[in-house]
Amino acid sequence: MGALLGTVGYQYVYKRFLADAWVGGGYAFGTPAETYYHHGFELWHWFNMVNTNLAMSFSIRMGICF
């Protein structure tokens, strides 16, 4: 299973504190797993609908810059 994702995000740095968030979506191809999760992206299976060609991904990270 693979996917081509477009991603948009925002990064905030205050002194040494770092906050980073992004979300992505795009086209998925291949044979899906039963869980619809594929090492970094998830297939659409929300609101009683399943689409094996729509992939989604997101992340929120916080840390310290050094």
C-alpha atoms as a PDB file:
ATOM      1  CA  MET A   1       0.000   0.000   0.000  1.00  0.00           C
ATOM      2  CA  GLY A   2       1.284   3.472  -0.813  1.00  0.00           C
ATOM      3  CA  ALA A   3       0.000   7.037  -0.949  1.00  0.00           C
ATOM      4  CA  LEU A   4       0.779  10.411  -2.522  1.00  0.00           C
ATOM      5  CA  LEU A   5       0.011  13.063   0.089  1.00  0.00           C
ATOM      6  CA  GLY A   6      -0.135  16.845   0.023  1.00  0.00           C
ATOM      7  CA  THR A   7       0.749  18.339   3.399  1.00  0.00           C
ATOM      8  CA  VAL A   8       0.204  21.701   5.114  1.00  0.00           C
ATOM      9  CA  GLY A   9       1.365  22.666   8.586  1.00  0.00           C
ATOM     10  CA  TYR A  10       2.478  25.284  11.087  1.00  0.00           C
ATOM     11  CA  GLN A  11       5.524  25.545  13.324  1.00  0.00           C
ATOM     12  CA  TYR A  12       5.801  27.818  16.372  1.00  0.00           C
ATOM     13  CA  VAL A  13       9.037  28.528  18.243  1.00  0.00           C
ATOM     14  CA  TYR A  14       9.213  30.537  21.482  1.00  0.00           C
ATOM     15  CA  LYS A  15      12.729  30.803  22.894  1.00  0.00           C
ATOM     16  CA  ARG A  16      13.595  27.078  23.141  1.00  0.00           C
ATOM     17  CA  PHE A  17      10.044  25.654  23.044  1.00  0.00           C
ATOM     18  CA  LEU A  18       8.875  24.166  19.725  1.00  0.00           C
ATOM     19  CA  ALA A  19       5.341  23.217  18.643  1.00  0.00           C
ATOM     20  CA  ASP A  20       4.712  21.703  15.219  1.00  0.00           C
ATOM     21  CA  ALA A  21       1.430  20.526  13.644  1.00  0.00           C
ATOM     22  CA  TRP A  22       0.573  19.341  10.143  1.00  0.00           C
ATOM     23  CA  VAL A  23      -2.178  17.538   8.244  1.00  0.00           C
ATOM     24  CA  GLY A  24      -2.095  15.845   4.862  1.00  0.00           C
ATOM     25  CA  GLY A  25      -4.371  14.055   2.449  1.00  0.00           C
ATOM     26  CA  GLY A  26      -4.201  12.495  -0.959  1.00  0.00           C
ATOM     27  CA  TYR A  27      -4.515   9.444  -3.186  1.00  0.00           C
ATOM     28  CA  ALA A  28      -3.827   5.896  -1.929  1.00  0.00           C
ATOM     29  CA  PHE A  29      -3.109   2.838  -4.075  1.00  0.00           C
ATOM     30  CA  GLY A  30      -2.462  -0.856  -3.442  1.00  0.00           C
ATOM     31  CA  THR A  31      -4.157  -3.523  -1.323  1.00  0.00           C
ATOM     32  CA  PRO A  32      -5.457  -2.136   2.005  1.00  0.00           C
ATOM     33  CA  ALA A  33      -5.003  -3.883   5.367  1.00  0.00           C
ATOM     34  CA  GLU A  34      -7.949  -4.821   7.571  1.00  0.00           C
ATOM     35  CA  THR A  35      -7.122  -1.946   9.963  1.00  0.00           C
ATOM     36  CA  TYR A  36      -6.933   0.698   7.173  1.00  0.00           C
ATOM     37  CA  TYR A  37      -3.664   1.958   8.743  1.00  0.00           C
ATOM     38  CA  HIS A  38      -0.416   1.846   6.752  1.00  0.00           C
ATOM     39  CA  HIS A  39       2.738   3.090   8.571  1.00  0.00           C
ATOM     40  CA  GLY A  40       2.168   6.831   8.438  1.00  0.00           C
ATOM     41  CA  PHE A  41      -1.216   7.259   6.792  1.00  0.00           C
ATOM     42  CA  GLU A  42      -4.742   5.999   7.304  1.00  0.00           C
ATOM     43  CA  LEU A  43      -7.455   5.252   4.750  1.00  0.00           C
ATOM     44  CA  TRP A  44     -10.820   6.991   4.979  1.00  0.00           C
ATOM     45  CA  HIS A  45     -13.256   4.917   7.054  1.00  0.00           C
ATOM     46  CA  TRP A  46     -15.291   7.547   8.895  1.00  0.00           C
ATOM     47  CA  PHE A  47     -19.042   8.336   9.084  1.00  0.00           C
ATOM     48  CA  ASN A  48     -20.023   4.776   7.984  1.00  0.00           C
ATOM     49  CA  MET A  49     -18.134   5.232   4.685  1.00  0.00           C
ATOM     50  CA  VAL A  50     -15.012   3.422   3.442  1.00  0.00           C
ATOM     51  CA  ASN A  51     -12.853   4.810   0.642  1.00  0.00           C
ATOM     52  CA  THR A  52      -9.662   2.855  -0.081  1.00  0.00           C
ATOM     53  CA  ASN A  53      -8.347   5.582  -2.412  1.00  0.00           C
ATOM     54  CA  LEU A  54      -8.364   8.477   0.086  1.00  0.00           C
ATOM     55  CA  ALA A  55      -5.438   8.659   2.534  1.00  0.00           C
ATOM     56  CA  MET A  56      -5.042  10.992   5.536  1.00  0.00           C
ATOM     57  CA  SER A  57      -2.161  11.788   7.861  1.00  0.00           C
ATOM     58  CA  PHE A  58      -1.527  14.240  10.712  1.00  0.00           C
ATOM     59  CA  SER A  59       0.926  14.979  13.504  1.00  0.00           C
ATOM     60  CA  ILE A  60       1.356  17.227  16.539  1.00  0.00           C
ATOM     61  CA  ARG A  61       4.813  17.516  18.075  1.00  0.00           C
ATOM     62  CA  MET A  62       6.217  19.528  20.958  1.00  0.00           C
ATOM     63  CA  GLY A  63       9.810  19.751  22.057  1.00  0.00           C
ATOM     64  CA  ILE A  64      12.862  21.786  23.005  1.00  0.00           C
ATOM     65  CA  CYS A  65      15.239  23.344  20.488  1.00  0.00           C
ATOM     66  CA  PHE A  66      18.962  22.968  21.115  1.00  0.00           C
END
